[in-house]
Structures are given as C-alpha cells and as structure tokens.
Amino acid sequence: MEKEQQSPVSNEMPALLLGAGFALASLILVPALAQRVGLGSSVTIALRAALMRAAGRL
C-alpha cells in the first residue's frame, strides 16, 4: 500500500498550533505564574524570550 502524501498545509498545522501555544504561554501564562510565585521581572522577561525563541524555531 502506498502512503497518501499530505499537502504542505496539513503538515504546517501542528507547528502553527504549537507556536500559537508558546506565544499564548509567553504573553499570558508566564507573567501570571511569575507574579504568583514572586519571580522578578527580569526572570519573567527571560522566560518569555526563551518561549518566543522556541516558537520561532518551529
């Protein structure tokens, strides 16, 4: 049996969803959790930058 080839659009969907999840986490969840546990703003900014770099690599 031959495998059906997927279109490039369907191959990009998981990466798009993961990138959107990283962006959501870096903009909303990380600052909220950092404030909750008492992390400084510089640590929060570093965590956000790391998540955005990870999202950009997808």
PDB file of N, CA and C in Angstrom:
ATOM      1  N   MET A   1       0.824  -1.184   0.000  1.00  0.00           N
ATOM      2  CA  MET A   1       0.000   0.000   0.000  1.00  0.00           C
ATOM      3  C   MET A   1       0.865   1.242   0.000  1.00  0.00           C
ATOM      4  N   GLU A   2       0.462   2.208  -0.754  1.00  0.00           N
ATOM      5  CA  GLU A   2       1.184   3.467  -0.788  1.00  0.00           C
ATOM      6  C   GLU A   2       0.604   4.417   0.255  1.00  0.00           C
ATOM      7  N   LYS A   3       1.498   5.187   0.857  1.00  0.00           N
ATOM      8  CA  LYS A   3       1.033   6.205   1.785  1.00  0.00           C
ATOM      9  C   LYS A   3       0.529   7.399   0.991  1.00  0.00           C
ATOM     10  N   GLU A   4      -0.550   7.973   1.465  1.00  0.00           N
ATOM     11  CA  GLU A   4      -1.042   9.182   0.829  1.00  0.00           C
ATOM     12  C   GLU A   4      -0.157  10.342   1.233  1.00  0.00           C
ATOM     13  N   GLN A   5       0.191  11.166   0.278  1.00  0.00           N
ATOM     14  CA  GLN A   5       1.003  12.328   0.592  1.00  0.00           C
ATOM     15  C   GLN A   5       0.105  13.428   1.126  1.00  0.00           C
ATOM     16  N   GLN A   6       0.578  14.032   2.202  1.00  0.00           N
ATOM     17  CA  GLN A   6      -0.181  15.123   2.784  1.00  0.00           C
ATOM     18  C   GLN A   6       0.222  16.425   2.122  1.00  0.00           C
ATOM     19  N   SER A   7      -0.717  17.323   2.040  1.00  0.00           N
ATOM     20  CA  SER A   7      -0.406  18.623   1.465  1.00  0.00           C
ATOM     21  C   SER A   7       0.463  19.416   2.438  1.00  0.00           C
ATOM     22  N   PRO A   8       1.241  20.362   1.939  1.00  0.00           N
ATOM     23  CA  PRO A   8       2.087  21.173   2.824  1.00  0.00           C
ATOM     24  C   PRO A   8       1.292  21.921   3.885  1.00  0.00           C
ATOM     25  N   VAL A   9       0.055  22.281   3.573  1.00  0.00           N
ATOM     26  CA  VAL A   9      -0.771  22.997   4.537  1.00  0.00           C
ATOM     27  C   VAL A   9      -1.075  22.113   5.735  1.00  0.00           C
ATOM     28  N   SER A  10      -1.402  20.852   5.519  1.00  0.00           N
ATOM     29  CA  SER A  10      -1.726  19.972   6.631  1.00  0.00           C
ATOM     30  C   SER A  10      -0.487  19.628   7.452  1.00  0.00           C
ATOM     31  N   ASN A  11       0.693  19.691   6.852  1.00  0.00           N
ATOM     32  CA  ASN A  11       1.917  19.451   7.604  1.00  0.00           C
ATOM     33  C   ASN A  11       2.281  20.637   8.494  1.00  0.00           C
ATOM     34  N   GLU A  12       1.829  21.825   8.138  1.00  0.00           N
ATOM     35  CA  GLU A  12       2.158  23.023   8.899  1.00  0.00           C
ATOM     36  C   GLU A  12       1.224  23.252  10.077  1.00  0.00           C
ATOM     37  N   MET A  13       0.084  22.624  10.096  1.00  0.00           N
ATOM     38  CA  MET A  13      -0.901  22.884  11.143  1.00  0.00           C
ATOM     39  C   MET A  13      -0.387  22.557  12.550  1.00  0.00           C
ATOM     40  N   PRO A  14       0.239  21.400  12.796  1.00  0.00           N
ATOM     41  CA  PRO A  14       0.739  21.146  14.155  1.00  0.00           C
ATOM     42  C   PRO A  14       1.785  22.162  14.600  1.00  0.00           C
ATOM     43  N   ALA A  15       2.661  22.572  13.696  1.00  0.00           N
ATOM     44  CA  ALA A  15       3.672  23.572  14.046  1.00  0.00           C
ATOM     45  C   ALA A  15       3.018  24.913  14.352  1.00  0.00           C
ATOM     46  N   LEU A  16       1.993  25.266  13.599  1.00  0.00           N
ATOM     47  CA  LEU A  16       1.287  26.516  13.838  1.00  0.00           C
ATOM     48  C   LEU A  16       0.596  26.504  15.198  1.00  0.00           C
ATOM     49  N   LEU A  17      -0.045  25.403  15.518  1.00  0.00           N
ATOM     50  CA  LEU A  17      -0.722  25.298  16.808  1.00  0.00           C
ATOM     51  C   LEU A  17       0.262  25.337  17.966  1.00  0.00           C
ATOM     52  N   LEU A  18       1.394  24.666  17.816  1.00  0.00           N
ATOM     53  CA  LEU A  18       2.404  24.678  18.864  1.00  0.00           C
ATOM     54  C   LEU A  18       2.992  26.068  19.038  1.00  0.00           C
ATOM     55  N   GLY A  19       3.264  26.744  17.939  1.00  0.00           N
ATOM     56  CA  GLY A  19       3.771  28.108  18.013  1.00  0.00           C
ATOM     57  C   GLY A  19       2.783  29.049  18.673  1.00  0.00           C
ATOM     58  N   ALA A  20       1.510  28.897  18.353  1.00  0.00           N
ATOM     59  CA  ALA A  20       0.482  29.732  18.976  1.00  0.00           C
ATOM     60  C   ALA A  20       0.386  29.440  20.468  1.00  0.00           C
ATOM     61  N   GLY A  21       0.563  28.177  20.835  1.00  0.00           N
ATOM     62  CA  GLY A  21       0.559  27.821  22.257  1.00  0.00           C
ATOM     63  C   GLY A  21       1.720  28.440  23.001  1.00  0.00           C
ATOM     64  N   PHE A  22       2.905  28.425  22.384  1.00  0.00           N
ATOM     65  CA  PHE A  22       4.068  29.063  23.006  1.00  0.00           C
ATOM     66  C   PHE A  22       3.844  30.572  23.149  1.00  0.00           C
ATOM     67  N   ALA A  23       3.271  31.195  22.134  1.00  0.00           N
ATOM     68  CA  ALA A  23       3.014  32.632  22.200  1.00  0.00           C
ATOM     69  C   ALA A  23       2.020  32.954  23.306  1.00  0.00           C
ATOM     70  N   LEU A  24       0.964  32.175  23.411  1.00  0.00           N
ATOM     71  CA  LEU A  24      -0.024  32.368  24.469  1.00  0.00           C
ATOM     72  C   LEU A  24       0.621  32.211  25.837  1.00  0.00           C
ATOM     73  N   ALA A  25       1.438  31.176  25.977  1.00  0.00           N
ATOM     74  CA  ALA A  25       2.099  30.939  27.258  1.00  0.00           C
ATOM     75  C   ALA A  25       3.032  32.086  27.613  1.00  0.00           C
ATOM     76  N   SER A  26       3.783  32.587  26.638  1.00  0.00           N
ATOM     77  CA  SER A  26       4.755  33.630  26.944  1.00  0.00           C
ATOM     78  C   SER A  26       4.097  34.966  27.242  1.00  0.00           C
ATOM     79  N   LEU A  27       2.947  35.240  26.634  1.00  0.00           N
ATOM     80  CA  LEU A  27       2.303  36.535  26.836  1.00  0.00           C
ATOM     81  C   LEU A  27       1.375  36.579  28.036  1.00  0.00           C
ATOM     82  N   ILE A  28       0.768  35.451  28.376  1.00  0.00           N
ATOM     83  CA  ILE A  28      -0.252  35.461  29.429  1.00  0.00           C
ATOM     84  C   ILE A  28       0.129  34.587  30.617  1.00  0.00           C
ATOM     85  N   LEU A  29       0.449  33.342  30.358  1.00  0.00           N
ATOM     86  CA  LEU A  29       0.655  32.404  31.455  1.00  0.00           C
ATOM     87  C   LEU A  29       1.946  32.640  32.234  1.00  0.00           C
ATOM     88  N   VAL A  30       3.044  32.889  31.539  1.00  0.00           N
ATOM     89  CA  VAL A  30       4.325  33.078  32.235  1.00  0.00           C
ATOM     90  C   VAL A  30       4.284  34.279  33.176  1.00  0.00           C
ATOM     91  N   PRO A  31       3.836  35.454  32.720  1.00  0.00           N
ATOM     92  CA  PRO A  31       3.782  36.577  33.666  1.00  0.00           C
ATOM     93  C   PRO A  31       2.845  36.329  34.856  1.00  0.00           C
ATOM     94  N   ALA A  32       1.719  35.670  34.600  1.00  0.00           N
ATOM     95  CA  ALA A  32       0.786  35.391  35.690  1.00  0.00           C
ATOM     96  C   ALA A  32       1.394  34.440  36.711  1.00  0.00           C
ATOM     97  N   LEU A  33       2.039  33.381  36.221  1.00  0.00           N
ATOM     98  CA  LEU A  33       2.677  32.434  37.147  1.00  0.00           C
ATOM     99  C   LEU A  33       3.873  33.063  37.856  1.00  0.00           C
ATOM    100  N   ALA A  34       4.625  33.880  37.151  1.00  0.00           N
ATOM    101  CA  ALA A  34       5.780  34.536  37.763  1.00  0.00           C
ATOM    102  C   ALA A  34       5.337  35.472  38.883  1.00  0.00           C
ATOM    103  N   GLN A  35       4.259  36.192  38.669  1.00  0.00           N
ATOM    104  CA  GLN A  35       3.748  37.080  39.699  1.00  0.00           C
ATOM    105  C   GLN A  35       3.245  36.272  40.893  1.00  0.00           C
ATOM    106  N   ARG A  36       2.634  35.151  40.593  1.00  0.00           N
ATOM    107  CA  ARG A  36       2.073  34.306  41.660  1.00  0.00           C
ATOM    108  C   ARG A  36       3.165  33.752  42.576  1.00  0.00           C
ATOM    109  N   VAL A  37       4.288  33.316  41.995  1.00  0.00           N
ATOM    110  CA  VAL A  37       5.363  32.736  42.811  1.00  0.00           C
ATOM    111  C   VAL A  37       6.389  33.775  43.241  1.00  0.00           C
ATOM    112  N   GLY A  38       6.265  35.015  42.751  1.00  0.00           N
ATOM    113  CA  GLY A  38       7.131  36.084  43.202  1.00  0.00           C
ATOM    114  C   GLY A  38       8.452  36.208  42.462  1.00  0.00           C
ATOM    115  N   LEU A  39       8.501  35.793  41.209  1.00  0.00           N
ATOM    116  CA  LEU A  39       9.727  35.959  40.432  1.00  0.00           C
ATOM    117  C   LEU A  39       9.888  37.415  40.024  1.00  0.00           C
ATOM    118  N   GLY A  40      11.118  37.826  39.848  1.00  0.00           N
ATOM    119  CA  GLY A  40      11.387  39.190  39.419  1.00  0.00           C
ATOM    120  C   GLY A  40      11.046  39.397  37.957  1.00  0.00           C
ATOM    121  N   SER A  41      10.971  40.663  37.570  1.00  0.00           N
ATOM    122  CA  SER A  41      10.591  40.975  36.192  1.00  0.00           C
ATOM    123  C   SER A  41      11.658  40.530  35.198  1.00  0.00           C
ATOM    124  N   SER A  42      12.927  40.573  35.599  1.00  0.00           N
ATOM    125  CA  SER A  42      13.984  40.150  34.672  1.00  0.00           C
ATOM    126  C   SER A  42      13.900  38.652  34.379  1.00  0.00           C
ATOM    127  N   VAL A  43      13.552  37.859  35.377  1.00  0.00           N
ATOM    128  CA  VAL A  43      13.390  36.414  35.165  1.00  0.00           C
ATOM    129  C   VAL A  43      12.179  36.155  34.266  1.00  0.00           C
ATOM    130  N   THR A  44      11.117  36.903  34.486  1.00  0.00           N
ATOM    131  CA  THR A  44       9.918  36.758  33.663  1.00  0.00           C
ATOM    132  C   THR A  44      10.216  37.092  32.205  1.00  0.00           C
ATOM    133  N   ILE A  45      10.953  38.171  31.982  1.00  0.00           N
ATOM    134  CA  ILE A  45      11.310  38.565  30.621  1.00  0.00           C
ATOM    135  C   ILE A  45      12.181  37.506  29.969  1.00  0.00           C
ATOM    136  N   ALA A  46      13.108  36.924  30.726  1.00  0.00           N
ATOM    137  CA  ALA A  46      13.969  35.876  30.181  1.00  0.00           C
ATOM    138  C   ALA A  46      13.157  34.638  29.800  1.00  0.00           C
ATOM    139  N   LEU A  47      12.195  34.263  30.629  1.00  0.00           N
ATOM    140  CA  LEU A  47      11.336  33.115  30.315  1.00  0.00           C
ATOM    141  C   LEU A  47      10.497  33.386  29.067  1.00  0.00           C
ATOM    142  N   ARG A  48       9.963  34.598  28.961  1.00  0.00           N
ATOM    143  CA  ARG A  48       9.174  34.946  27.781  1.00  0.00           C
ATOM    144  C   ARG A  48      10.028  34.908  26.519  1.00  0.00           C
ATOM    145  N   ALA A  49      11.254  35.413  26.622  1.00  0.00           N
ATOM    146  CA  ALA A  49      12.146  35.410  25.458  1.00  0.00           C
ATOM    147  C   ALA A  49      12.488  33.986  25.039  1.00  0.00           C
ATOM    148  N   ALA A  50      12.722  33.108  26.007  1.00  0.00           N
ATOM    149  CA  ALA A  50      13.042  31.717  25.689  1.00  0.00           C
ATOM    150  C   ALA A  50      11.877  31.025  25.001  1.00  0.00           C
ATOM    151  N   LEU A  51      10.658  31.273  25.472  1.00  0.00           N
ATOM    152  CA  LEU A  51       9.486  30.670  24.834  1.00  0.00           C
ATOM    153  C   LEU A  51       9.268  31.214  23.430  1.00  0.00           C
ATOM    154  N   MET A  52       9.494  32.488  23.214  1.00  0.00           N
ATOM    155  CA  MET A  52       9.311  33.060  21.884  1.00  0.00           C
ATOM    156  C   MET A  52      10.370  32.551  20.922  1.00  0.00           C
ATOM    157  N   ARG A  53      11.602  32.353  21.411  1.00  0.00           N
ATOM    158  CA  ARG A  53      12.643  31.751  20.548  1.00  0.00           C
ATOM    159  C   ARG A  53      12.270  30.326  20.184  1.00  0.00           C
ATOM    160  N   ALA A  54      11.747  29.579  21.141  1.00  0.00           N
ATOM    161  CA  ALA A  54      11.336  28.204  20.862  1.00  0.00           C
ATOM    162  C   ALA A  54      10.203  28.174  19.841  1.00  0.00           C
ATOM    163  N   ALA A  55       9.274  29.122  19.952  1.00  0.00           N
ATOM    164  CA  ALA A  55       8.166  29.183  18.992  1.00  0.00           C
ATOM    165  C   ALA A  55       8.671  29.541  17.604  1.00  0.00           C
ATOM    166  N   GLY A  56       9.696  30.364  17.526  1.00  0.00           N
ATOM    167  CA  GLY A  56      10.229  30.772  16.242  1.00  0.00           C
ATOM    168  C   GLY A  56      10.997  29.672  15.520  1.00  0.00           C
ATOM    169  N   ARG A  57      11.454  28.692  16.241  1.00  0.00           N
ATOM    170  CA  ARG A  57      12.230  27.597  15.630  1.00  0.00           C
ATOM    171  C   ARG A  57      11.339  26.567  14.961  1.00  0.00           C
ATOM    172  N   LEU A  58      10.058  26.617  15.231  1.00  0.00           N
ATOM    173  CA  LEU A  58       9.151  25.617  14.647  1.00  0.00           C
ATOM    174  C   LEU A  58       8.876  25.879  13.208  1.00  0.00           C
TER     175      LEU A  58
END
